[in-house]
Amino acid sequence: MRAWLLAMAVALAGPAAAQTLYKLTDKEGRVTYSDKVPKGYDGTVVAIEPDTASNIVPSAKAGTGAGPAAPPSGIGEDRRKAREDLDRKLRAAQARAEAARKAKAEGGDPLPDELQTVQHRSRPLRAGEQPPNPNCFNAVDPSGIATLNCPTRVPGEAYYERQKKLDEDLKRAEEELALAERAYRRGTD
């Protein structure tokens, strides 16, 4: 019975393996494939003959010592590796966000090269009046008017540019962290 089933399978597989396919291209350039050419077809027909010799896989010779190929890694192993990769990315994003928060917190004070001096001028001091700051002094401006001049050190443009960059770095790090957390929760990259 087995021999008869094997003979039938080979007999039926022979014609199917040598079957011709046709590539049909109509006048608008649409391509379709079929095992028969439609009657009255008005487009280009190209016969595609399969190369049956290229479908044969040589078997291993007995006694060569070449054992079976290593089995592919299982789904569980792939998931474990993907989870480890997502965990690594999440930890890196957390570290970047924490570093950006720390840089923002520690970078609030102006650096010495980020300060500029501005002159606050007001009416001159009256007799017996104390200046608002110890560095204030009476002066005469170029037009000859007496004023109280109080120089003050304030943050300059470089300070505000640095603060803006720290804010942008923190925002970017927190966005990356949110994406990494979402990917970790989904379990996919």
Protein backbone atom coordinates (compact mmCIF):
# COMPACT_ATOMS: atom_id res chain seq x y z
CA MET A 1 0.00 0.00 0.00
CA ARG A 2 2.82 2.41 0.88
CA ALA A 3 4.57 1.69 -2.39
CA TRP A 4 1.37 2.43 -4.31
CA LEU A 5 0.86 5.78 -2.47
CA LEU A 6 4.47 6.75 -3.15
CA ALA A 7 4.08 5.92 -6.84
CA MET A 8 0.91 8.04 -7.06
CA ALA A 9 2.59 11.00 -5.31
CA VAL A 10 5.53 10.87 -7.73
CA ALA A 11 3.20 10.55 -10.74
CA LEU A 12 1.16 13.56 -9.65
CA ALA A 13 4.16 15.66 -8.64
CA GLY A 14 5.90 15.23 -12.00
CA PRO A 15 3.50 17.33 -14.08
CA ALA A 16 3.08 19.93 -11.32
CA ALA A 17 6.83 20.46 -11.03
CA ALA A 18 7.20 21.07 -14.77
CA GLN A 19 4.18 23.38 -15.03
CA THR A 20 4.63 26.56 -17.07
CA LEU A 21 3.57 29.92 -15.67
CA TYR A 22 2.81 32.98 -17.77
CA LYS A 23 3.60 36.59 -16.99
CA LEU A 24 0.82 38.73 -18.46
CA THR A 25 1.42 42.47 -18.93
CA ASP A 26 -1.53 44.55 -20.17
CA LYS A 27 -1.31 47.82 -22.11
CA GLU A 28 -1.46 49.88 -18.90
CA GLY A 29 1.57 48.07 -17.48
CA ARG A 30 -0.24 45.95 -14.89
CA VAL A 31 1.39 42.57 -14.38
CA THR A 32 -0.41 39.36 -13.45
CA TYR A 33 0.68 35.73 -13.38
CA SER A 34 -1.38 32.78 -14.52
CA ASP A 35 -1.00 29.13 -15.44
CA LYS A 36 -3.05 29.68 -18.63
CA VAL A 37 -3.15 32.45 -21.22
CA PRO A 38 -6.68 33.91 -21.44
CA LYS A 39 -8.33 33.66 -24.85
CA GLY A 40 -8.07 36.88 -26.85
CA TYR A 41 -5.54 38.46 -24.43
CA ASP A 42 -4.30 41.74 -25.90
CA GLY A 43 -1.09 42.25 -23.89
CA THR A 44 2.42 40.85 -23.65
CA VAL A 45 2.77 37.20 -22.61
CA VAL A 46 6.06 35.77 -21.32
CA ALA A 47 6.35 32.06 -20.52
CA ILE A 48 8.20 31.29 -17.29
CA GLU A 49 9.73 27.83 -17.14
CA PRO A 50 10.75 26.76 -13.62
CA ASP A 51 14.26 25.37 -13.21
CA THR A 52 13.47 22.09 -11.49
CA ALA A 53 17.16 21.20 -11.13
CA SER A 54 17.72 24.13 -8.76
CA ASN A 55 15.07 22.81 -6.36
CA ILE A 56 17.04 19.67 -5.49
CA VAL A 57 18.84 19.73 -2.14
CA PRO A 58 21.75 17.27 -1.91
CA SER A 59 21.56 14.91 1.03
CA ALA A 60 24.40 14.45 3.47
CA LYS A 61 26.67 11.54 2.67
CA ALA A 62 26.65 8.75 5.19
CA GLY A 63 29.71 8.55 7.40
CA THR A 64 31.09 12.05 6.65
CA GLY A 65 30.62 13.11 10.26
CA ALA A 66 28.54 16.09 9.23
CA GLY A 67 25.70 15.83 11.69
CA PRO A 68 22.41 17.61 11.44
CA ALA A 69 22.47 21.39 11.36
CA ALA A 70 22.10 23.18 14.67
CA PRO A 71 18.45 23.87 15.37
CA PRO A 72 17.43 27.50 15.06
CA SER A 73 17.04 29.38 18.28
CA GLY A 74 13.61 29.06 19.77
CA ILE A 75 11.01 31.76 20.13
CA GLY A 76 11.65 31.90 23.86
CA GLU A 77 15.35 32.58 23.31
CA ASP A 78 14.53 35.31 20.78
CA ARG A 79 12.11 36.94 23.19
CA ARG A 80 14.63 36.77 26.03
CA LYS A 81 17.26 38.47 23.87
CA ALA A 82 14.78 41.11 22.73
CA ARG A 83 13.74 41.75 26.35
CA GLU A 84 17.39 42.08 27.43
CA ASP A 85 18.00 44.53 24.60
CA LEU A 86 14.92 46.58 25.57
CA ASP A 87 16.02 46.52 29.22
CA ARG A 88 19.49 47.75 28.24
CA LYS A 89 17.99 50.57 26.14
CA LEU A 90 15.63 51.51 28.99
CA ARG A 91 18.47 51.68 31.53
CA ALA A 92 20.57 53.80 29.15
CA ALA A 93 17.63 56.18 28.61
CA GLN A 94 17.09 56.40 32.38
CA ALA A 95 20.78 57.22 32.90
CA ARG A 96 20.68 59.94 30.20
CA ALA A 97 17.53 61.47 31.71
CA GLU A 98 19.02 61.43 35.21
CA ALA A 99 22.24 63.04 33.95
CA ALA A 100 20.22 65.75 32.16
CA ARG A 101 18.18 66.43 35.33
CA LYS A 102 21.36 66.67 37.39
CA ALA A 103 23.01 69.01 34.85
CA LYS A 104 19.92 71.24 34.88
CA ALA A 105 19.80 71.33 38.70
CA GLU A 106 23.52 72.06 39.06
CA GLY A 107 23.64 74.51 36.16
CA GLY A 108 21.26 77.10 37.61
CA ASP A 109 23.90 79.57 38.78
CA PRO A 110 25.68 81.75 36.22
CA LEU A 111 29.32 80.94 35.53
CA PRO A 112 31.88 83.76 35.91
CA ASP A 113 32.21 84.22 32.14
CA GLU A 114 28.41 84.38 31.76
CA LEU A 115 28.01 87.54 33.86
CA GLN A 116 27.83 91.09 32.62
CA THR A 117 27.82 94.39 34.49
CA VAL A 118 24.90 96.78 34.11
CA GLN A 119 24.76 100.32 35.48
CA HIS A 120 21.63 101.32 37.40
CA ARG A 121 21.37 105.08 37.60
CA SER A 122 19.04 106.99 39.85
CA ARG A 123 18.87 110.37 41.59
CA PRO A 124 21.92 111.26 43.63
CA LEU A 125 22.02 110.57 47.35
CA ARG A 126 20.80 113.31 49.67
CA ALA A 127 22.79 114.33 52.69
CA GLY A 128 22.85 111.54 55.31
CA GLU A 129 21.18 109.03 52.99
CA GLN A 130 22.74 105.56 52.67
CA PRO A 131 23.24 103.97 49.22
CA PRO A 132 21.11 100.86 48.48
CA ASN A 133 24.25 98.80 47.83
CA PRO A 134 27.79 99.22 49.09
CA ASN A 135 29.14 99.45 45.53
CA CYS A 136 26.96 102.48 44.62
CA PHE A 137 28.60 105.86 44.12
CA ASN A 138 27.69 109.40 43.11
CA ALA A 139 28.76 110.31 39.61
CA VAL A 140 28.19 112.91 36.95
CA ASP A 141 26.93 111.63 33.59
CA PRO A 142 28.32 112.96 30.26
CA SER A 143 25.59 115.63 30.09
CA GLY A 144 26.68 117.04 33.48
CA ILE A 145 23.79 115.69 35.58
CA ALA A 146 24.62 114.20 38.99
CA THR A 147 23.38 110.62 39.45
CA LEU A 148 23.75 107.67 41.77
CA ASN A 149 25.47 104.88 39.84
CA CYS A 150 24.98 101.29 41.12
CA PRO A 151 26.83 98.69 39.00
CA THR A 152 25.33 95.20 39.22
CA ARG A 153 26.49 91.87 37.85
CA VAL A 154 23.67 90.02 36.03
CA PRO A 155 23.56 86.94 33.78
CA GLY A 156 24.36 87.65 30.16
CA GLU A 157 23.28 86.09 26.87
CA ALA A 158 25.69 83.13 27.27
CA TYR A 159 23.93 82.15 30.52
CA TYR A 160 20.49 82.11 28.89
CA GLU A 161 21.80 80.14 25.90
CA ARG A 162 23.30 77.56 28.25
CA GLN A 163 20.02 77.34 30.20
CA LYS A 164 18.09 76.88 26.94
CA LYS A 165 20.46 74.05 25.89
CA LEU A 166 20.10 72.38 29.31
CA ASP A 167 16.29 72.58 28.98
CA GLU A 168 16.38 71.13 25.45
CA ASP A 169 18.74 68.31 26.53
CA LEU A 170 16.45 67.48 29.46
CA LYS A 171 13.34 67.50 27.26
CA ARG A 172 15.01 65.27 24.65
CA ALA A 173 16.25 62.83 27.33
CA GLU A 174 12.79 62.61 28.91
CA GLU A 175 11.16 61.99 25.50
CA GLU A 176 13.68 59.22 24.77
CA LEU A 177 12.98 57.74 28.21
CA ALA A 178 9.22 57.78 27.56
CA LEU A 179 9.74 55.99 24.23
CA ALA A 180 12.05 53.41 25.85
CA GLU A 181 9.54 52.79 28.66
CA ARG A 182 6.71 52.35 26.15
CA ALA A 183 8.80 49.92 24.06
CA TYR A 184 9.76 47.99 27.20
CA ARG A 185 6.12 47.69 28.31
CA ARG A 186 5.07 46.49 24.86
CA GLY A 187 7.98 44.08 24.78
CA THR A 188 8.88 44.97 21.21
CA ASP A 189 11.48 47.25 19.71
